[in-house]
Amino acid sequence: MNERRSGKINSVRDLEIYKLSFKVATEIHNITKLFPKEERYSLTDQIRRSSRSVCANIAEAWRKRKYVAVFINKLSDSAQEAAET
């Protein structure tokens, strides 16, 4: 049975927001390859880390979803990382 049609979410990878954040992080990684070499260890590294952190925090929120306060905190962290990116 197609999981998408059934609406069943079995893992964080089934969440549209996770898929989108992962896709954006991948695009950011590819775009930052074009940045000047002098930015490689400052701006480029920070942008890559913060964009990957969005996905990581969404995944952590999913794992802690039974604990409302932790869930909200991890989603807040994810939003902060997205804003930083």
PDB file of N, CA and C in Angstrom:
ATOM      1  N   MET A   1       0.841  -1.181   0.000  1.00  0.00           N
ATOM      2  CA  MET A   1       0.000   0.000   0.000  1.00  0.00           C
ATOM      3  C   MET A   1       0.885   1.243   0.000  1.00  0.00           C
ATOM      4  N   ASN A   2       0.501   2.221  -0.741  1.00  0.00           N
ATOM      5  CA  ASN A   2       1.254   3.469  -0.829  1.00  0.00           C
ATOM      6  C   ASN A   2       1.073   4.263   0.455  1.00  0.00           C
ATOM      7  N   GLU A   3       2.213   4.524   1.144  1.00  0.00           N
ATOM      8  CA  GLU A   3       2.138   5.245   2.417  1.00  0.00           C
ATOM      9  C   GLU A   3       1.598   6.652   2.245  1.00  0.00           C
ATOM     10  N   ARG A   4       1.918   7.274   1.133  1.00  0.00           N
ATOM     11  CA  ARG A   4       1.479   8.651   0.908  1.00  0.00           C
ATOM     12  C   ARG A   4      -0.047   8.730   0.822  1.00  0.00           C
ATOM     13  N   ARG A   5      -0.648   7.776   0.140  1.00  0.00           N
ATOM     14  CA  ARG A   5      -2.108   7.791   0.007  1.00  0.00           C
ATOM     15  C   ARG A   5      -2.799   7.443   1.318  1.00  0.00           C
ATOM     16  N   SER A   6      -2.208   6.562   2.089  1.00  0.00           N
ATOM     17  CA  SER A   6      -2.842   6.154   3.337  1.00  0.00           C
ATOM     18  C   SER A   6      -2.746   7.245   4.397  1.00  0.00           C
ATOM     19  N   GLY A   7      -1.817   8.202   4.210  1.00  0.00           N
ATOM     20  CA  GLY A   7      -1.642   9.264   5.180  1.00  0.00           C
ATOM     21  C   GLY A   7      -0.839   8.825   6.397  1.00  0.00           C
ATOM     22  N   LYS A   8      -0.390   7.590   6.400  1.00  0.00           N
ATOM     23  CA  LYS A   8       0.371   7.056   7.540  1.00  0.00           C
ATOM     24  C   LYS A   8       1.797   7.585   7.509  1.00  0.00           C
ATOM     25  N   ILE A   9       2.225   8.080   8.641  1.00  0.00           N
ATOM     26  CA  ILE A   9       3.590   8.570   8.786  1.00  0.00           C
ATOM     27  C   ILE A   9       4.320   7.586   9.688  1.00  0.00           C
ATOM     28  N   ASN A  10       5.297   6.907   9.118  1.00  0.00           N
ATOM     29  CA  ASN A  10       6.035   5.894   9.871  1.00  0.00           C
ATOM     30  C   ASN A  10       7.381   6.382  10.377  1.00  0.00           C
ATOM     31  N   SER A  11       7.908   7.401   9.746  1.00  0.00           N
ATOM     32  CA  SER A  11       9.204   7.923  10.185  1.00  0.00           C
ATOM     33  C   SER A  11       9.282   9.403   9.836  1.00  0.00           C
ATOM     34  N   VAL A  12      10.316  10.033  10.343  1.00  0.00           N
ATOM     35  CA  VAL A  12      10.512  11.462  10.073  1.00  0.00           C
ATOM     36  C   VAL A  12      10.679  11.703   8.570  1.00  0.00           C
ATOM     37  N   ARG A  13      11.210  10.718   7.861  1.00  0.00           N
ATOM     38  CA  ARG A  13      11.438  10.867   6.417  1.00  0.00           C
ATOM     39  C   ARG A  13      10.137  10.924   5.612  1.00  0.00           C
ATOM     40  N   ASP A  14       9.024  10.596   6.243  1.00  0.00           N
ATOM     41  CA  ASP A  14       7.714  10.700   5.592  1.00  0.00           C
ATOM     42  C   ASP A  14       7.133  12.113   5.699  1.00  0.00           C
ATOM     43  N   LEU A  15       7.704  12.944   6.559  1.00  0.00           N
ATOM     44  CA  LEU A  15       7.205  14.306   6.750  1.00  0.00           C
ATOM     45  C   LEU A  15       7.637  15.208   5.594  1.00  0.00           C
ATOM     46  N   GLU A  16       6.694  15.931   5.033  1.00  0.00           N
ATOM     47  CA  GLU A  16       7.015  16.832   3.920  1.00  0.00           C
ATOM     48  C   GLU A  16       8.028  17.905   4.327  1.00  0.00           C
ATOM     49  N   ILE A  17       7.934  18.404   5.554  1.00  0.00           N
ATOM     50  CA  ILE A  17       8.854  19.443   6.009  1.00  0.00           C
ATOM     51  C   ILE A  17      10.276  18.899   6.099  1.00  0.00           C
ATOM     52  N   TYR A  18      10.422  17.646   6.503  1.00  0.00           N
ATOM     53  CA  TYR A  18      11.749  17.036   6.553  1.00  0.00           C
ATOM     54  C   TYR A  18      12.309  16.875   5.139  1.00  0.00           C
ATOM     55  N   LYS A  19      11.479  16.384   4.235  1.00  0.00           N
ATOM     56  CA  LYS A  19      11.914  16.210   2.845  1.00  0.00           C
ATOM     57  C   LYS A  19      12.362  17.548   2.248  1.00  0.00           C
ATOM     58  N   LEU A  20      11.585  18.589   2.503  1.00  0.00           N
ATOM     59  CA  LEU A  20      11.909  19.906   1.978  1.00  0.00           C
ATOM     60  C   LEU A  20      13.190  20.448   2.602  1.00  0.00           C
ATOM     61  N   SER A  21      13.336  20.319   3.899  1.00  0.00           N
ATOM     62  CA  SER A  21      14.548  20.835   4.551  1.00  0.00           C
ATOM     63  C   SER A  21      15.786  20.070   4.091  1.00  0.00           C
ATOM     64  N   PHE A  22      15.665  18.781   3.860  1.00  0.00           N
ATOM     65  CA  PHE A  22      16.786  17.986   3.363  1.00  0.00           C
ATOM     66  C   PHE A  22      17.158  18.419   1.950  1.00  0.00           C
ATOM     67  N   LYS A  23      16.137  18.641   1.118  1.00  0.00           N
ATOM     68  CA  LYS A  23      16.378  19.090  -0.261  1.00  0.00           C
ATOM     69  C   LYS A  23      17.065  20.459  -0.271  1.00  0.00           C
ATOM     70  N   VAL A  24      16.602  21.369   0.558  1.00  0.00           N
ATOM     71  CA  VAL A  24      17.189  22.706   0.624  1.00  0.00           C
ATOM     72  C   VAL A  24      18.625  22.641   1.134  1.00  0.00           C
ATOM     73  N   ALA A  25      18.872  21.808   2.150  1.00  0.00           N
ATOM     74  CA  ALA A  25      20.241  21.666   2.671  1.00  0.00           C
ATOM     75  C   ALA A  25      21.178  21.147   1.590  1.00  0.00           C
ATOM     76  N   THR A  26      20.697  20.215   0.777  1.00  0.00           N
ATOM     77  CA  THR A  26      21.501  19.683  -0.325  1.00  0.00           C
ATOM     78  C   THR A  26      21.770  20.767  -1.365  1.00  0.00           C
ATOM     79  N   GLU A  27      20.756  21.545  -1.697  1.00  0.00           N
ATOM     80  CA  GLU A  27      20.933  22.641  -2.657  1.00  0.00           C
ATOM     81  C   GLU A  27      21.910  23.685  -2.120  1.00  0.00           C
ATOM     82  N   ILE A  28      21.797  24.007  -0.838  1.00  0.00           N
ATOM     83  CA  ILE A  28      22.706  24.980  -0.233  1.00  0.00           C
ATOM     84  C   ILE A  28      24.136  24.469  -0.301  1.00  0.00           C
ATOM     85  N   HIS A  29      24.325  23.196  -0.013  1.00  0.00           N
ATOM     86  CA  HIS A  29      25.668  22.619  -0.087  1.00  0.00           C
ATOM     87  C   HIS A  29      26.247  22.787  -1.492  1.00  0.00           C
ATOM     88  N   ASN A  30      25.434  22.483  -2.492  1.00  0.00           N
ATOM     89  CA  ASN A  30      25.903  22.604  -3.875  1.00  0.00           C
ATOM     90  C   ASN A  30      26.178  24.058  -4.261  1.00  0.00           C
ATOM     91  N   ILE A  31      25.328  24.966  -3.837  1.00  0.00           N
ATOM     92  CA  ILE A  31      25.519  26.385  -4.151  1.00  0.00           C
ATOM     93  C   ILE A  31      26.780  26.925  -3.488  1.00  0.00           C
ATOM     94  N   THR A  32      27.027  26.520  -2.242  1.00  0.00           N
ATOM     95  CA  THR A  32      28.191  27.049  -1.531  1.00  0.00           C
ATOM     96  C   THR A  32      29.512  26.547  -2.102  1.00  0.00           C
ATOM     97  N   LYS A  33      29.466  25.514  -2.922  1.00  0.00           N
ATOM     98  CA  LYS A  33      30.682  25.073  -3.619  1.00  0.00           C
ATOM     99  C   LYS A  33      31.188  26.157  -4.564  1.00  0.00           C
ATOM    100  N   LEU A  34      30.286  27.058  -4.962  1.00  0.00           N
ATOM    101  CA  LEU A  34      30.636  28.130  -5.893  1.00  0.00           C
ATOM    102  C   LEU A  34      31.154  29.375  -5.181  1.00  0.00           C
ATOM    103  N   PHE A  35      31.099  29.399  -3.857  1.00  0.00           N
ATOM    104  CA  PHE A  35      31.568  30.561  -3.089  1.00  0.00           C
ATOM    105  C   PHE A  35      33.083  30.699  -3.225  1.00  0.00           C
ATOM    106  N   PRO A  36      33.602  31.894  -3.030  1.00  0.00           N
ATOM    107  CA  PRO A  36      35.056  32.103  -3.108  1.00  0.00           C
ATOM    108  C   PRO A  36      35.790  31.262  -2.045  1.00  0.00           C
ATOM    109  N   LYS A  37      37.012  30.861  -2.388  1.00  0.00           N
ATOM    110  CA  LYS A  37      37.810  30.033  -1.473  1.00  0.00           C
ATOM    111  C   LYS A  37      38.040  30.703  -0.132  1.00  0.00           C
ATOM    112  N   GLU A  38      38.172  32.016  -0.120  1.00  0.00           N
ATOM    113  CA  GLU A  38      38.433  32.695   1.149  1.00  0.00           C
ATOM    114  C   GLU A  38      37.251  32.618   2.108  1.00  0.00           C
ATOM    115  N   GLU A  39      36.091  32.239   1.610  1.00  0.00           N
ATOM    116  CA  GLU A  39      34.905  32.084   2.460  1.00  0.00           C
ATOM    117  C   GLU A  39      34.685  30.632   2.880  1.00  0.00           C
ATOM    118  N   ARG A  40      35.525  29.744   2.413  1.00  0.00           N
ATOM    119  CA  ARG A  40      35.307  28.319   2.627  1.00  0.00           C
ATOM    120  C   ARG A  40      35.166  27.937   4.101  1.00  0.00           C
ATOM    121  N   TYR A  41      35.993  28.495   4.958  1.00  0.00           N
ATOM    122  CA  TYR A  41      35.974  28.067   6.363  1.00  0.00           C
ATOM    123  C   TYR A  41      35.210  29.003   7.280  1.00  0.00           C
ATOM    124  N   SER A  42      34.609  30.011   6.744  1.00  0.00           N
ATOM    125  CA  SER A  42      33.825  30.899   7.606  1.00  0.00           C
ATOM    126  C   SER A  42      32.370  30.885   7.171  1.00  0.00           C
ATOM    127  N   LEU A  43      32.051  31.673   6.193  1.00  0.00           N
ATOM    128  CA  LEU A  43      30.665  31.795   5.737  1.00  0.00           C
ATOM    129  C   LEU A  43      30.115  30.465   5.205  1.00  0.00           C
ATOM    130  N   THR A  44      30.855  29.818   4.333  1.00  0.00           N
ATOM    131  CA  THR A  44      30.387  28.579   3.721  1.00  0.00           C
ATOM    132  C   THR A  44      30.124  27.505   4.766  1.00  0.00           C
ATOM    133  N   ASP A  45      31.077  27.313   5.655  1.00  0.00           N
ATOM    134  CA  ASP A  45      30.935  26.287   6.681  1.00  0.00           C
ATOM    135  C   ASP A  45      29.738  26.557   7.580  1.00  0.00           C
ATOM    136  N   GLN A  46      29.547  27.799   7.979  1.00  0.00           N
ATOM    137  CA  GLN A  46      28.429  28.145   8.859  1.00  0.00           C
ATOM    138  C   GLN A  46      27.083  27.940   8.172  1.00  0.00           C
ATOM    139  N   ILE A  47      26.981  28.330   6.917  1.00  0.00           N
ATOM    140  CA  ILE A  47      25.727  28.144   6.178  1.00  0.00           C
ATOM    141  C   ILE A  47      25.408  26.657   6.045  1.00  0.00           C
ATOM    142  N   ARG A  48      26.415  25.870   5.730  1.00  0.00           N
ATOM    143  CA  ARG A  48      26.190  24.428   5.592  1.00  0.00           C
ATOM    144  C   ARG A  48      25.754  23.801   6.914  1.00  0.00           C
ATOM    145  N   ARG A  49      26.436  24.153   7.996  1.00  0.00           N
ATOM    146  CA  ARG A  49      26.089  23.573   9.299  1.00  0.00           C
ATOM    147  C   ARG A  49      24.689  23.960   9.736  1.00  0.00           C
ATOM    148  N   SER A  50      24.334  25.222   9.575  1.00  0.00           N
ATOM    149  CA  SER A  50      23.001  25.641  10.027  1.00  0.00           C
ATOM    150  C   SER A  50      21.898  25.024   9.170  1.00  0.00           C
ATOM    151  N   SER A  51      22.140  24.862   7.866  1.00  0.00           N
ATOM    152  CA  SER A  51      21.112  24.253   7.014  1.00  0.00           C
ATOM    153  C   SER A  51      20.930  22.774   7.333  1.00  0.00           C
ATOM    154  N   ARG A  52      22.023  22.068   7.633  1.00  0.00           N
ATOM    155  CA  ARG A  52      21.912  20.652   8.018  1.00  0.00           C
ATOM    156  C   ARG A  52      21.256  20.515   9.387  1.00  0.00           C
ATOM    157  N   SER A  53      21.463  21.481  10.237  1.00  0.00           N
ATOM    158  CA  SER A  53      20.903  21.438  11.573  1.00  0.00           C
ATOM    159  C   SER A  53      19.376  21.519  11.561  1.00  0.00           C
ATOM    160  N   VAL A  54      18.818  22.156  10.545  1.00  0.00           N
ATOM    161  CA  VAL A  54      17.352  22.224  10.421  1.00  0.00           C
ATOM    162  C   VAL A  54      16.791  20.801  10.358  1.00  0.00           C
ATOM    163  N   CYS A  55      17.359  19.980   9.481  1.00  0.00           N
ATOM    164  CA  CYS A  55      16.918  18.585   9.337  1.00  0.00           C
ATOM    165  C   CYS A  55      17.126  17.807  10.641  1.00  0.00           C
ATOM    166  N   ALA A  56      18.279  17.994  11.242  1.00  0.00           N
ATOM    167  CA  ALA A  56      18.601  17.270  12.477  1.00  0.00           C
ATOM    168  C   ALA A  56      17.628  17.617  13.592  1.00  0.00           C
ATOM    169  N   ASN A  57      17.277  18.869  13.712  1.00  0.00           N
ATOM    170  CA  ASN A  57      16.346  19.283  14.761  1.00  0.00           C
ATOM    171  C   ASN A  57      14.917  18.796  14.497  1.00  0.00           C
ATOM    172  N   ILE A  58      14.525  18.749  13.247  1.00  0.00           N
ATOM    173  CA  ILE A  58      13.208  18.192  12.910  1.00  0.00           C
ATOM    174  C   ILE A  58      13.177  16.711  13.277  1.00  0.00           C
ATOM    175  N   ALA A  59      14.254  15.999  12.956  1.00  0.00           N
ATOM    176  CA  ALA A  59      14.337  14.577  13.291  1.00  0.00           C
ATOM    177  C   ALA A  59      14.300  14.374  14.809  1.00  0.00           C
ATOM    178  N   GLU A  60      15.010  15.210  15.540  1.00  0.00           N
ATOM    179  CA  GLU A  60      15.011  15.113  17.003  1.00  0.00           C
ATOM    180  C   GLU A  60      13.619  15.415  17.569  1.00  0.00           C
ATOM    181  N   ALA A  61      12.943  16.396  17.000  1.00  0.00           N
ATOM    182  CA  ALA A  61      11.571  16.707  17.431  1.00  0.00           C
ATOM    183  C   ALA A  61      10.667  15.494  17.203  1.00  0.00           C
ATOM    184  N   TRP A  62      10.824  14.845  16.054  1.00  0.00           N
ATOM    185  CA  TRP A  62      10.024  13.657  15.750  1.00  0.00           C
ATOM    186  C   TRP A  62      10.264  12.554  16.784  1.00  0.00           C
ATOM    187  N   ARG A  63      11.521  12.343  17.127  1.00  0.00           N
ATOM    188  CA  ARG A  63      11.843  11.294  18.107  1.00  0.00           C
ATOM    189  C   ARG A  63      11.295  11.618  19.494  1.00  0.00           C
ATOM    190  N   LYS A  64      11.180  12.895  19.814  1.00  0.00           N
ATOM    191  CA  LYS A  64      10.726  13.319  21.143  1.00  0.00           C
ATOM    192  C   LYS A  64       9.276  13.813  21.133  1.00  0.00           C
ATOM    193  N   ARG A  65       8.516  13.453  20.113  1.00  0.00           N
ATOM    194  CA  ARG A  65       7.166  14.002  19.929  1.00  0.00           C
ATOM    195  C   ARG A  65       6.198  13.688  21.074  1.00  0.00           C
ATOM    196  N   LYS A  66       6.490  12.687  21.871  1.00  0.00           N
ATOM    197  CA  LYS A  66       5.618  12.347  23.009  1.00  0.00           C
ATOM    198  C   LYS A  66       5.776  13.336  24.157  1.00  0.00           C
ATOM    199  N   TYR A  67       6.860  14.098  24.133  1.00  0.00           N
ATOM    200  CA  TYR A  67       7.147  15.086  25.175  1.00  0.00           C
ATOM    201  C   TYR A  67       6.952  16.474  24.577  1.00  0.00           C
ATOM    202  N   VAL A  68       5.792  17.037  24.789  1.00  0.00           N
ATOM    203  CA  VAL A  68       5.371  18.255  24.118  1.00  0.00           C
ATOM    204  C   VAL A  68       6.389  19.395  24.252  1.00  0.00           C
ATOM    205  N   ALA A  69       6.883  19.626  25.443  1.00  0.00           N
ATOM    206  CA  ALA A  69       7.824  20.733  25.657  1.00  0.00           C
ATOM    207  C   ALA A  69       9.118  20.525  24.858  1.00  0.00           C
ATOM    208  N   VAL A  70       9.626  19.300  24.845  1.00  0.00           N
ATOM    209  CA  VAL A  70      10.851  19.007  24.098  1.00  0.00           C
ATOM    210  C   VAL A  70      10.586  19.121  22.600  1.00  0.00           C
ATOM    211  N   PHE A  71       9.441  18.606  22.163  1.00  0.00           N
ATOM    212  CA  PHE A  71       9.044  18.682  20.760  1.00  0.00           C
ATOM    213  C   PHE A  71       9.019  20.134  20.279  1.00  0.00           C
ATOM    214  N   ILE A  72       8.369  20.983  21.039  1.00  0.00           N
ATOM    215  CA  ILE A  72       8.276  22.402  20.686  1.00  0.00           C
ATOM    216  C   ILE A  72       9.658  23.048  20.691  1.00  0.00           C
ATOM    217  N   ASN A  73      10.469  22.712  21.675  1.00  0.00           N
ATOM    218  CA  ASN A  73      11.816  23.266  21.773  1.00  0.00           C
ATOM    219  C   ASN A  73      12.661  22.901  20.549  1.00  0.00           C
ATOM    220  N   LYS A  74      12.583  21.650  20.120  1.00  0.00           N
ATOM    221  CA  LYS A  74      13.370  21.217  18.961  1.00  0.00           C
ATOM    222  C   LYS A  74      12.872  21.880  17.677  1.00  0.00           C
ATOM    223  N   LEU A  75      11.574  22.058  17.560  1.00  0.00           N
ATOM    224  CA  LEU A  75      11.053  22.763  16.386  1.00  0.00           C
ATOM    225  C   LEU A  75      11.469  24.234  16.407  1.00  0.00           C
ATOM    226  N   SER A  76      11.510  24.814  17.594  1.00  0.00           N
ATOM    227  CA  SER A  76      11.986  26.186  17.742  1.00  0.00           C
ATOM    228  C   SER A  76      13.463  26.287  17.345  1.00  0.00           C
ATOM    229  N   ASP A  77      14.267  25.310  17.784  1.00  0.00           N
ATOM    230  CA  ASP A  77      15.680  25.272  17.397  1.00  0.00           C
ATOM    231  C   ASP A  77      15.821  25.172  15.875  1.00  0.00           C
ATOM    232  N   SER A  78      14.975  24.358  15.267  1.00  0.00           N
ATOM    233  CA  SER A  78      15.000  24.205  13.820  1.00  0.00           C
ATOM    234  C   SER A  78      14.685  25.516  13.111  1.00  0.00           C
ATOM    235  N   ALA A  79      13.692  26.223  13.617  1.00  0.00           N
ATOM    236  CA  ALA A  79      13.319  27.517  13.038  1.00  0.00           C
ATOM    237  C   ALA A  79      14.464  28.528  13.189  1.00  0.00           C
ATOM    238  N   GLN A  80      15.133  28.502  14.327  1.00  0.00           N
ATOM    239  CA  GLN A  80      16.269  29.402  14.537  1.00  0.00           C
ATOM    240  C   GLN A  80      17.404  29.113  13.559  1.00  0.00           C
ATOM    241  N   GLU A  81      17.683  27.829  13.345  1.00  0.00           N
ATOM    242  CA  GLU A  81      18.737  27.446  12.399  1.00  0.00           C
ATOM    243  C   GLU A  81      18.362  27.859  10.970  1.00  0.00           C
ATOM    244  N   ALA A  82      17.092  27.692  10.632  1.00  0.00           N
ATOM    245  CA  ALA A  82      16.636  28.115   9.306  1.00  0.00           C
ATOM    246  C   ALA A  82      16.807  29.617   9.128  1.00  0.00           C
ATOM    247  N   ALA A  83      16.481  30.367  10.171  1.00  0.00           N
ATOM    248  CA  ALA A  83      16.646  31.832  10.109  1.00  0.00           C
ATOM    249  C   ALA A  83      18.127  32.195   9.993  1.00  0.00           C
ATOM    250  N   GLU A  84      18.987  31.475  10.692  1.00  0.00           N
ATOM    251  CA  GLU A  84      20.417  31.732  10.610  1.00  0.00           C
ATOM    252  C   GLU A  84      20.950  31.470   9.211  1.00  0.00           C
ATOM    253  N   THR A  85      20.446  30.405   8.605  1.00  0.00           N
ATOM    254  CA  THR A  85      20.872  30.065   7.243  1.00  0.00           C
ATOM    255  C   THR A  85      20.496  31.189   6.295  1.00  0.00           C
TER     256      THR A  85
END
